[in-house]
PDB file of N, CA and C in Angstrom:
ATOM      1  N   MET A   1      30.342  43.974  22.908  1.00  0.00           N
ATOM      2  CA  MET A   1      30.097  43.051  24.147  1.00  0.00           C
ATOM      3  C   MET A   1      31.513  42.391  24.547  1.00  0.00           C
ATOM      4  N   SER A   2      31.685  42.319  26.001  1.00  0.00           N
ATOM      5  CA  SER A   2      32.934  41.782  26.336  1.00  0.00           C
ATOM      6  C   SER A   2      32.717  40.160  26.385  1.00  0.00           C
ATOM      7  N   ARG A   3      33.740  39.790  26.524  1.00  0.00           N
ATOM      8  CA  ARG A   3      33.770  38.193  26.778  1.00  0.00           C
ATOM      9  C   ARG A   3      33.120  37.385  27.794  1.00  0.00           C
ATOM     10  N   GLN A   4      33.061  38.336  28.790  1.00  0.00           N
ATOM     11  CA  GLN A   4      32.177  37.553  30.070  1.00  0.00           C
ATOM     12  C   GLN A   4      30.717  37.688  29.631  1.00  0.00           C
ATOM     13  N   ASN A   5      29.901  38.681  29.235  1.00  0.00           N
ATOM     14  CA  ASN A   5      28.777  38.860  29.097  1.00  0.00           C
ATOM     15  C   ASN A   5      28.263  37.896  27.829  1.00  0.00           C
ATOM     16  N   ILE A   6      29.152  37.104  27.021  1.00  0.00           N
ATOM     17  CA  ILE A   6      28.841  36.541  26.080  1.00  0.00           C
ATOM     18  C   ILE A   6      28.980  35.048  26.492  1.00  0.00           C
ATOM     19  N   LEU A   7      29.554  34.994  27.363  1.00  0.00           N
ATOM     20  CA  LEU A   7      29.938  33.454  28.236  1.00  0.00           C
ATOM     21  C   LEU A   7      28.304  33.471  29.257  1.00  0.00           C
ATOM     22  N   THR A   8      28.221  34.599  29.633  1.00  0.00           N
ATOM     23  CA  THR A   8      26.902  34.751  30.605  1.00  0.00           C
ATOM     24  C   THR A   8      25.789  34.518  29.599  1.00  0.00           C
ATOM     25  N   ILE A   9      25.687  35.007  28.250  1.00  0.00           N
ATOM     26  CA  ILE A   9      24.256  34.782  27.896  1.00  0.00           C
ATOM     27  C   ILE A   9      24.359  33.338  27.370  1.00  0.00           C
ATOM     28  N   ILE A  10      25.615  32.653  26.962  1.00  0.00           N
ATOM     29  CA  ILE A  10      25.522  31.286  26.296  1.00  0.00           C
ATOM     30  C   ILE A  10      25.143  30.250  27.754  1.00  0.00           C
ATOM     31  N   LEU A  11      25.812  30.714  29.048  1.00  0.00           N
ATOM     32  CA  LEU A  11      25.149  29.858  29.954  1.00  0.00           C
ATOM     33  C   LEU A  11      23.991  29.792  30.531  1.00  0.00           C
ATOM     34  N   ALA A  12      23.403  31.100  30.126  1.00  0.00           N
ATOM     35  CA  ALA A  12      21.784  31.277  30.260  1.00  0.00           C
ATOM     36  C   ALA A  12      21.100  30.366  29.533  1.00  0.00           C
ATOM     37  N   LEU A  13      21.237  30.382  28.214  1.00  0.00           N
ATOM     38  CA  LEU A  13      20.594  29.767  26.865  1.00  0.00           C
ATOM     39  C   LEU A  13      20.547  28.325  27.360  1.00  0.00           C
ATOM     40  N   SER A  14      21.956  27.985  27.737  1.00  0.00           N
ATOM     41  CA  SER A  14      22.029  26.475  27.642  1.00  0.00           C
ATOM     42  C   SER A  14      21.577  25.952  28.876  1.00  0.00           C
ATOM     43  N   LEU A  15      21.385  26.891  30.292  1.00  0.00           N
ATOM     44  CA  LEU A  15      20.368  26.356  31.034  1.00  0.00           C
ATOM     45  C   LEU A  15      19.070  26.503  31.106  1.00  0.00           C
ATOM     46  N   LEU A  16      18.430  27.466  30.164  1.00  0.00           N
ATOM     47  CA  LEU A  16      17.029  27.244  29.704  1.00  0.00           C
ATOM     48  C   LEU A  16      16.762  26.199  28.922  1.00  0.00           C
ATOM     49  N   ALA A  17      17.492  25.862  27.863  1.00  0.00           N
ATOM     50  CA  ALA A  17      17.493  24.702  27.067  1.00  0.00           C
ATOM     51  C   ALA A  17      17.556  23.068  27.980  1.00  0.00           C
ATOM     52  N   GLY A  18      18.498  23.509  28.600  1.00  0.00           N
ATOM     53  CA  GLY A  18      18.419  21.897  29.217  1.00  0.00           C
ATOM     54  C   GLY A  18      17.267  21.683  30.467  1.00  0.00           C
ATOM     55  N   GLY A  19      16.750  23.119  30.857  1.00  0.00           N
ATOM     56  CA  GLY A  19      15.381  23.087  32.064  1.00  0.00           C
ATOM     57  C   GLY A  19      14.448  22.853  30.811  1.00  0.00           C
ATOM     58  N   TYR A  20      13.970  23.027  29.637  1.00  0.00           N
ATOM     59  CA  TYR A  20      13.122  23.063  28.970  1.00  0.00           C
ATOM     60  C   TYR A  20      13.213  21.523  28.495  1.00  0.00           C
ATOM     61  N   ILE A  21      14.767  20.718  27.899  1.00  0.00           N
ATOM     62  CA  ILE A  21      14.273  19.430  27.895  1.00  0.00           C
ATOM     63  C   ILE A  21      13.887  18.367  29.110  1.00  0.00           C
ATOM     64  N   TRP A  22      14.448  18.965  30.366  1.00  0.00           N
ATOM     65  CA  TRP A  22      14.126  18.094  31.457  1.00  0.00           C
ATOM     66  C   TRP A  22      12.661  18.237  31.756  1.00  0.00           C
ATOM     67  N   TYR A  23      11.987  19.422  31.732  1.00  0.00           N
ATOM     68  CA  TYR A  23      10.672  19.423  31.779  1.00  0.00           C
ATOM     69  C   TYR A  23       9.784  18.651  30.889  1.00  0.00           C
ATOM     70  N   SER A  24       9.972  18.751  29.463  1.00  0.00           N
ATOM     71  CA  SER A  24       9.408  17.992  28.740  1.00  0.00           C
ATOM     72  C   SER A  24       9.534  16.430  28.666  1.00  0.00           C
ATOM     73  N   SER A  25      10.778  15.984  29.500  1.00  0.00           N
ATOM     74  CA  SER A  25      10.889  14.748  29.411  1.00  0.00           C
ATOM     75  C   SER A  25       9.911  13.999  30.716  1.00  0.00           C
ATOM     76  N   LEU A  26      10.067  15.069  31.867  1.00  0.00           N
ATOM     77  CA  LEU A  26       9.067  14.702  32.978  1.00  0.00           C
ATOM     78  C   LEU A  26       7.348  14.595  32.590  1.00  0.00           C
ATOM     79  N   TYR A  27       6.953  15.498  32.008  1.00  0.00           N
ATOM     80  CA  TYR A  27       5.543  15.958  31.573  1.00  0.00           C
ATOM     81  C   TYR A  27       5.232  15.868  30.175  1.00  0.00           C
ATOM     82  N   PRO A  28       4.958  14.587  29.403  1.00  0.00           N
ATOM     83  CA  PRO A  28       4.901  14.879  28.550  1.00  0.00           C
ATOM     84  C   PRO A  28       3.740  15.168  27.569  1.00  0.00           C
ATOM     85  N   SER A  29       3.534  15.408  26.644  1.00  0.00           N
ATOM     86  CA  SER A  29       2.313  16.452  26.299  1.00  0.00           C
ATOM     87  C   SER A  29       1.011  15.081  25.942  1.00  0.00           C
ATOM     88  N   ALA A  30       0.202  15.634  25.754  1.00  0.00           N
ATOM     89  CA  ALA A  30      -1.353  14.743  25.482  1.00  0.00           C
ATOM     90  C   ALA A  30      -0.671  14.039  24.130  1.00  0.00           C
ATOM     91  N   ASN A  31      -0.231  14.439  23.123  1.00  0.00           N
ATOM     92  CA  ASN A  31      -0.140  14.128  21.831  1.00  0.00           C
ATOM     93  C   ASN A  31       0.983  12.983  21.838  1.00  0.00           C
ATOM     94  N   ASP A  32       2.030  12.878  22.551  1.00  0.00           N
ATOM     95  CA  ASP A  32       2.929  12.002  22.987  1.00  0.00           C
ATOM     96  C   ASP A  32       2.408  10.580  23.462  1.00  0.00           C
ATOM     97  N   GLU A  33       1.294  10.459  24.310  1.00  0.00           N
ATOM     98  CA  GLU A  33       0.540   8.955  24.875  1.00  0.00           C
ATOM     99  C   GLU A  33      -0.192   8.821  23.421  1.00  0.00           C
ATOM    100  N   ASN A  34      -0.720   9.523  22.618  1.00  0.00           N
ATOM    101  CA  ASN A  34      -1.602   8.751  21.657  1.00  0.00           C
ATOM    102  C   ASN A  34      -0.738   8.063  20.483  1.00  0.00           C
ATOM    103  N   THR A  35       0.514   8.360  20.370  1.00  0.00           N
ATOM    104  CA  THR A  35       1.088   7.814  19.393  1.00  0.00           C
ATOM    105  C   THR A  35       1.639   6.692  19.951  1.00  0.00           C
ATOM    106  N   ILE A  36       1.771   5.442  18.834  1.00  0.00           N
ATOM    107  CA  ILE A  36       2.073   4.267  19.071  1.00  0.00           C
ATOM    108  C   ILE A  36       3.350   4.246  18.866  1.00  0.00           C
ATOM    109  N   LYS A  37       4.201   3.568  19.937  1.00  0.00           N
ATOM    110  CA  LYS A  37       5.850   3.675  19.643  1.00  0.00           C
ATOM    111  C   LYS A  37       5.975   2.369  18.873  1.00  0.00           C
ATOM    112  N   GLU A  38       7.025   2.021  18.426  1.00  0.00           N
ATOM    113  CA  GLU A  38       7.474   0.837  17.734  1.00  0.00           C
ATOM    114  C   GLU A  38       7.729  -0.222  18.671  1.00  0.00           C
ATOM    115  N   GLU A  39       7.984  -0.094  19.738  1.00  0.00           N
ATOM    116  CA  GLU A  39       8.235  -1.093  20.833  1.00  0.00           C
ATOM    117  C   GLU A  39       7.151  -1.717  21.285  1.00  0.00           C
ATOM    118  N   GLN A  40       6.185  -0.825  21.012  1.00  0.00           N
ATOM    119  CA  GLN A  40       4.594  -1.325  21.178  1.00  0.00           C
ATOM    120  C   GLN A  40       4.059  -2.297  20.604  1.00  0.00           C
ATOM    121  N   ILE A  41       4.456  -2.346  19.184  1.00  0.00           N
ATOM    122  CA  ILE A  41       3.888  -2.956  17.947  1.00  0.00           C
ATOM    123  C   ILE A  41       4.243  -4.382  18.278  1.00  0.00           C
ATOM    124  N   VAL A  42       3.278  -5.116  17.950  1.00  0.00           N
ATOM    125  CA  VAL A  42       3.547  -6.790  18.135  1.00  0.00           C
ATOM    126  C   VAL A  42       4.041  -7.782  16.946  1.00  0.00           C
ATOM    127  N   SER A  43       5.074  -8.155  16.455  1.00  0.00           N
ATOM    128  CA  SER A  43       5.532  -8.629  15.861  1.00  0.00           C
ATOM    129  C   SER A  43       4.541  -9.842  15.139  1.00  0.00           C
ATOM    130  N   PRO A  44       4.609 -10.532  13.739  1.00  0.00           N
ATOM    131  CA  PRO A  44       3.804 -11.592  13.515  1.00  0.00           C
ATOM    132  C   PRO A  44       4.412 -12.725  14.137  1.00  0.00           C
ATOM    133  N   GLU A  45       5.961 -12.570  14.139  1.00  0.00           N
ATOM    134  CA  GLU A  45       6.780 -13.844  14.702  1.00  0.00           C
ATOM    135  C   GLU A  45       6.134 -14.310  16.118  1.00  0.00           C
ATOM    136  N   PHE A  46       6.285 -13.062  16.785  1.00  0.00           N
ATOM    137  CA  PHE A  46       5.754 -13.211  18.244  1.00  0.00           C
ATOM    138  C   PHE A  46       4.382 -14.088  18.432  1.00  0.00           C
ATOM    139  N   LEU A  47       3.407 -13.293  17.667  1.00  0.00           N
ATOM    140  CA  LEU A  47       2.094 -13.937  17.719  1.00  0.00           C
ATOM    141  C   LEU A  47       1.991 -15.092  17.195  1.00  0.00           C
ATOM    142  N   ALA A  48       2.565 -15.413  16.271  1.00  0.00           N
ATOM    143  CA  ALA A  48       2.708 -17.119  15.920  1.00  0.00           C
ATOM    144  C   ALA A  48       3.303 -18.234  17.150  1.00  0.00           C
ATOM    145  N   LYS A  49       4.542 -17.474  17.577  1.00  0.00           N
ATOM    146  CA  LYS A  49       5.138 -18.379  18.719  1.00  0.00           C
ATOM    147  C   LYS A  49       4.292 -18.520  19.906  1.00  0.00           C
ATOM    148  N   THR A  50       3.477 -17.339  20.126  1.00  0.00           N
ATOM    149  CA  THR A  50       2.729 -17.646  21.343  1.00  0.00           C
ATOM    150  C   THR A  50       1.302 -18.363  20.978  1.00  0.00           C
ATOM    151  N   ALA A  51       1.170 -18.347  19.853  1.00  0.00           N
ATOM    152  CA  ALA A  51      -0.272 -19.213  19.396  1.00  0.00           C
ATOM    153  C   ALA A  51       0.408 -20.751  19.631  1.00  0.00           C
ATOM    154  N   LEU A  52       1.298 -20.946  19.093  1.00  0.00           N
ATOM    155  CA  LEU A  52       2.218 -22.244  18.956  1.00  0.00           C
ATOM    156  C   LEU A  52       2.392 -23.026  20.407  1.00  0.00           C
ATOM    157  N   LEU A  53       2.779 -21.987  21.345  1.00  0.00           N
ATOM    158  CA  LEU A  53       3.048 -22.040  22.760  1.00  0.00           C
ATOM    159  C   LEU A  53       1.523 -22.798  23.556  1.00  0.00           C
ATOM    160  N   SER A  54       0.488 -21.763  23.177  1.00  0.00           N
ATOM    161  CA  SER A  54      -0.570 -22.019  23.729  1.00  0.00           C
ATOM    162  C   SER A  54      -1.331 -23.393  23.530  1.00  0.00           C
ATOM    163  N   LYS A  55      -0.854 -23.758  22.264  1.00  0.00           N
ATOM    164  CA  LYS A  55      -1.373 -25.197  21.849  1.00  0.00           C
ATOM    165  C   LYS A  55      -0.498 -26.208  22.273  1.00  0.00           C
ATOM    166  N   THR A  56       0.422 -26.134  22.826  1.00  0.00           N
ATOM    167  CA  THR A  56       1.323 -27.137  23.314  1.00  0.00           C
ATOM    168  C   THR A  56       0.826 -27.560  25.053  1.00  0.00           C
ATOM    169  N   GLN A  57       0.542 -29.240  24.701  1.00  0.00           N
ATOM    170  CA  GLN A  57       0.080 -29.412  26.214  1.00  0.00           C
ATOM    171  C   GLN A  57       1.140 -30.439  26.896  1.00  0.00           C
ATOM    172  N   ILE A  58       1.265 -30.360  28.025  1.00  0.00           N
ATOM    173  CA  ILE A  58       2.412 -31.203  28.409  1.00  0.00           C
ATOM    174  C   ILE A  58       1.826 -32.329  29.486  1.00  0.00           C
ATOM    175  N   ASP A  59       2.386 -33.230  28.931  1.00  0.00           N
ATOM    176  CA  ASP A  59       2.115 -34.769  29.705  1.00  0.00           C
ATOM    177  C   ASP A  59       2.372 -35.045  31.087  1.00  0.00           C
ATOM    178  N   ALA A  60       1.745 -34.725  32.171  1.00  0.00           N
ATOM    179  CA  ALA A  60       2.509 -35.180  33.229  1.00  0.00           C
ATOM    180  C   ALA A  60       2.312 -36.349  33.922  1.00  0.00           C
ATOM    181  N   ASP A  61       1.967 -37.524  32.975  1.00  0.00           N
ATOM    182  CA  ASP A  61       1.706 -38.719  33.545  1.00  0.00           C
ATOM    183  C   ASP A  61       2.951 -39.613  33.570  1.00  0.00           C
ATOM    184  N   PHE A  62       4.443 -38.816  33.303  1.00  0.00           N
ATOM    185  CA  PHE A  62       5.561 -39.363  33.552  1.00  0.00           C
ATOM    186  C   PHE A  62       5.840 -39.162  34.553  1.00  0.00           C
ATOM    187  N   PHE A  63       5.329 -38.380  35.550  1.00  0.00           N
ATOM    188  CA  PHE A  63       5.804 -37.981  37.218  1.00  0.00           C
ATOM    189  C   PHE A  63       5.089 -39.044  37.838  1.00  0.00           C
ATOM    190  N   LYS A  64       4.207 -39.750  37.339  1.00  0.00           N
ATOM    191  CA  LYS A  64       3.337 -40.695  38.357  1.00  0.00           C
ATOM    192  C   LYS A  64       3.932 -42.085  37.977  1.00  0.00           C
ATOM    193  N   SER A  65       4.316 -42.174  36.706  1.00  0.00           N
ATOM    194  CA  SER A  65       4.844 -43.818  36.297  1.00  0.00           C
ATOM    195  C   SER A  65       5.861 -44.144  37.336  1.00  0.00           C
ATOM    196  N   GLY A  66       6.085 -45.839  37.268  1.00  0.00           N
ATOM    197  CA  GLY A  66       6.739 -46.169  38.344  1.00  0.00           C
ATOM    198  C   GLY A  66       8.327 -45.943  37.949  1.00  0.00           C
ATOM    199  N   VAL A  67       8.782 -45.566  36.563  1.00  0.00           N
ATOM    200  CA  VAL A  67       9.981 -45.325  36.227  1.00  0.00           C
ATOM    201  C   VAL A  67      10.752 -43.935  36.888  1.00  0.00           C
ATOM    202  N   PHE A  68       9.707 -43.222  37.077  1.00  0.00           N
ATOM    203  CA  PHE A  68       9.957 -42.050  37.528  1.00  0.00           C
ATOM    204  C   PHE A  68      10.111 -42.001  39.303  1.00  0.00           C
ATOM    205  N   SER A  69       9.403 -42.817  39.812  1.00  0.00           N
ATOM    206  CA  SER A  69       9.335 -42.990  40.984  1.00  0.00           C
ATOM    207  C   SER A  69      10.377 -44.028  41.447  1.00  0.00           C
ATOM    208  N   GLU A  70      11.038 -44.626  40.721  1.00  0.00           N
ATOM    209  CA  GLU A  70      12.301 -45.389  40.955  1.00  0.00           C
ATOM    210  C   GLU A  70      13.790 -44.867  40.934  1.00  0.00           C
ATOM    211  N   LEU A  71      13.736 -43.467  40.477  1.00  0.00           N
ATOM    212  CA  LEU A  71      15.021 -42.728  40.177  1.00  0.00           C
ATOM    213  C   LEU A  71      15.181 -42.478  41.585  1.00  0.00           C
ATOM    214  N   GLU A  72      16.565 -42.094  41.450  1.00  0.00           N
ATOM    215  CA  GLU A  72      17.250 -42.268  43.057  1.00  0.00           C
ATOM    216  C   GLU A  72      18.458 -40.700  42.603  1.00  0.00           C
ATOM    217  N   SER A  73      18.529 -40.357  43.491  1.00  0.00           N
ATOM    218  CA  SER A  73      19.362 -39.072  43.665  1.00  0.00           C
ATOM    219  C   SER A  73      20.799 -39.634  43.550  1.00  0.00           C
ATOM    220  N   GLY A  74      21.627 -38.748  43.008  1.00  0.00           N
ATOM    221  CA  GLY A  74      23.046 -38.983  43.124  1.00  0.00           C
ATOM    222  C   GLY A  74      23.515 -39.155  44.431  1.00  0.00           C
ATOM    223  N   PRO A  75      25.185 -39.121  44.151  1.00  0.00           N
ATOM    224  CA  PRO A  75      25.716 -39.079  45.403  1.00  0.00           C
ATOM    225  C   PRO A  75      25.922 -37.202  45.845  1.00  0.00           C
ATOM    226  N   ALA A  76      25.926 -37.200  47.286  1.00  0.00           N
ATOM    227  CA  ALA A  76      25.928 -36.056  47.782  1.00  0.00           C
ATOM    228  C   ALA A  76      27.149 -34.819  47.297  1.00  0.00           C
ATOM    229  N   LEU A  77      26.969 -33.845  47.184  1.00  0.00           N
ATOM    230  CA  LEU A  77      28.009 -32.821  46.778  1.00  0.00           C
ATOM    231  C   LEU A  77      28.952 -32.957  48.162  1.00  0.00           C
ATOM    232  N   PRO A  78      30.532 -32.754  47.461  1.00  0.00           N
ATOM    233  CA  PRO A  78      31.088 -32.692  48.681  1.00  0.00           C
ATOM    234  C   PRO A  78      31.259 -31.189  49.177  1.00  0.00           C
ATOM    235  N   PRO A  79      31.544 -31.188  50.442  1.00  0.00           N
ATOM    236  CA  PRO A  79      31.196 -29.766  51.127  1.00  0.00           C
ATOM    237  C   PRO A  79      32.588 -28.777  50.427  1.00  0.00           C
ATOM    238  N   PRO A  80      32.082 -27.676  50.628  1.00  0.00           N
ATOM    239  CA  PRO A  80      33.024 -26.507  50.212  1.00  0.00           C
ATOM    240  C   PRO A  80      34.347 -26.646  50.781  1.00  0.00           C
ATOM    241  N   PRO A  81      35.492 -26.108  50.353  1.00  0.00           N
ATOM    242  CA  PRO A  81      36.137 -25.998  51.044  1.00  0.00           C
ATOM    243  C   PRO A  81      36.685 -25.094  52.544  1.00  0.00           C
ATOM    244  N   SER A  82      37.098 -25.299  53.227  1.00  0.00           N
ATOM    245  CA  SER A  82      37.006 -24.805  54.307  1.00  0.00           C
ATOM    246  C   SER A  82      37.932 -23.473  54.427  1.00  0.00           C
ATOM    247  N   GLU A  83      38.980 -23.571  53.646  1.00  0.00           N
ATOM    248  CA  GLU A  83      40.144 -22.345  53.397  1.00  0.00           C
ATOM    249  C   GLU A  83      39.841 -21.825  52.047  1.00  0.00           C
ATOM    250  N   ILE A  84      40.363 -20.670  52.052  1.00  0.00           N
ATOM    251  CA  ILE A  84      39.962 -19.952  50.903  1.00  0.00           C
ATOM    252  C   ILE A  84      41.608 -20.358  49.700  1.00  0.00           C
ATOM    253  N   ASN A  85      41.480 -20.845  48.730  1.00  0.00           N
ATOM    254  CA  ASN A  85      42.500 -21.358  47.603  1.00  0.00           C
ATOM    255  C   ASN A  85      42.579 -19.841  46.834  1.00  0.00           C
ATOM    256  N   GLY A  86      43.928 -19.937  46.787  1.00  0.00           N
ATOM    257  CA  GLY A  86      44.328 -18.618  45.807  1.00  0.00           C
ATOM    258  C   GLY A  86      44.689 -17.494  46.390  1.00  0.00           C
ATOM    259  N   ARG A  87      44.416 -16.638  45.578  1.00  0.00           N
ATOM    260  CA  ARG A  87      44.759 -15.081  46.033  1.00  0.00           C
ATOM    261  C   ARG A  87      43.420 -14.477  46.447  1.00  0.00           C
ATOM    262  N   VAL A  88      43.808 -13.363  47.307  1.00  0.00           N
ATOM    263  CA  VAL A  88      42.210 -12.748  48.045  1.00  0.00           C
ATOM    264  C   VAL A  88      41.876 -11.960  46.749  1.00  0.00           C
ATOM    265  N   ASN A  89      42.671 -11.138  45.905  1.00  0.00           N
ATOM    266  CA  ASN A  89      42.055 -10.570  44.696  1.00  0.00           C
ATOM    267  C   ASN A  89      42.955 -10.808  43.696  1.00  0.00           C
ATOM    268  N   PRO A  90      42.233 -11.673  43.030  1.00  0.00           N
ATOM    269  CA  PRO A  90      43.388 -12.281  41.774  1.00  0.00           C
ATOM    270  C   PRO A  90      43.593 -11.384  40.348  1.00  0.00           C
ATOM    271  N   PHE A  91      42.987 -10.434  40.812  1.00  0.00           N
ATOM    272  CA  PHE A  91      43.518  -9.044  39.894  1.00  0.00           C
ATOM    273  C   PHE A  91      44.574  -8.016  40.287  1.00  0.00           C
ATOM    274  N   ALA A  92      44.937  -8.336  41.584  1.00  0.00           N
ATOM    275  CA  ALA A  92      46.082  -7.199  42.091  1.00  0.00           C
ATOM    276  C   ALA A  92      46.990  -7.829  41.665  1.00  0.00           C
ATOM    277  N   GLN A  93      47.752  -6.801  41.594  1.00  0.00           N
ATOM    278  CA  GLN A  93      49.299  -7.066  41.040  1.00  0.00           C
ATOM    279  C   GLN A  93      50.016  -7.481  41.962  1.00  0.00           C
ATOM    280  N   PHE A  94      50.868  -8.224  41.338  1.00  0.00           N
ATOM    281  CA  PHE A  94      52.182  -8.854  42.560  1.00  0.00           C
ATOM    282  C   PHE A  94      52.822  -7.833  43.196  1.00  0.00           C
TER     283      PHE A  94
END
C-alpha cells in the first residue's frame, strides 16, 4: 500500500471515531440517564448545614427599634474624577 492510501484510511477512521463520539455525546443512551452521577449525591455535611440553616430564625425587631431609626448615613461620596489619571493602557510598553 502506498503512503497516501494509509493516510487516507487513518483520516477516514479518525473522522468516523470523532463522529461516533460526537453523536454519543449529543444523544446519551437510556442506560446513562438511569445512572446516578457522583455530583448528584448529596453529602451528609450539606444536609446538616441545610438543617441548621432551616432552624435559624432572624429577629427583625432591630429594624423597628429606635436605635436603628436614629442612625444617619455617612458623608456623601466624592464625585468621580472628570479626567482620566494615568495611562490609557497601563500594560502597554513604553
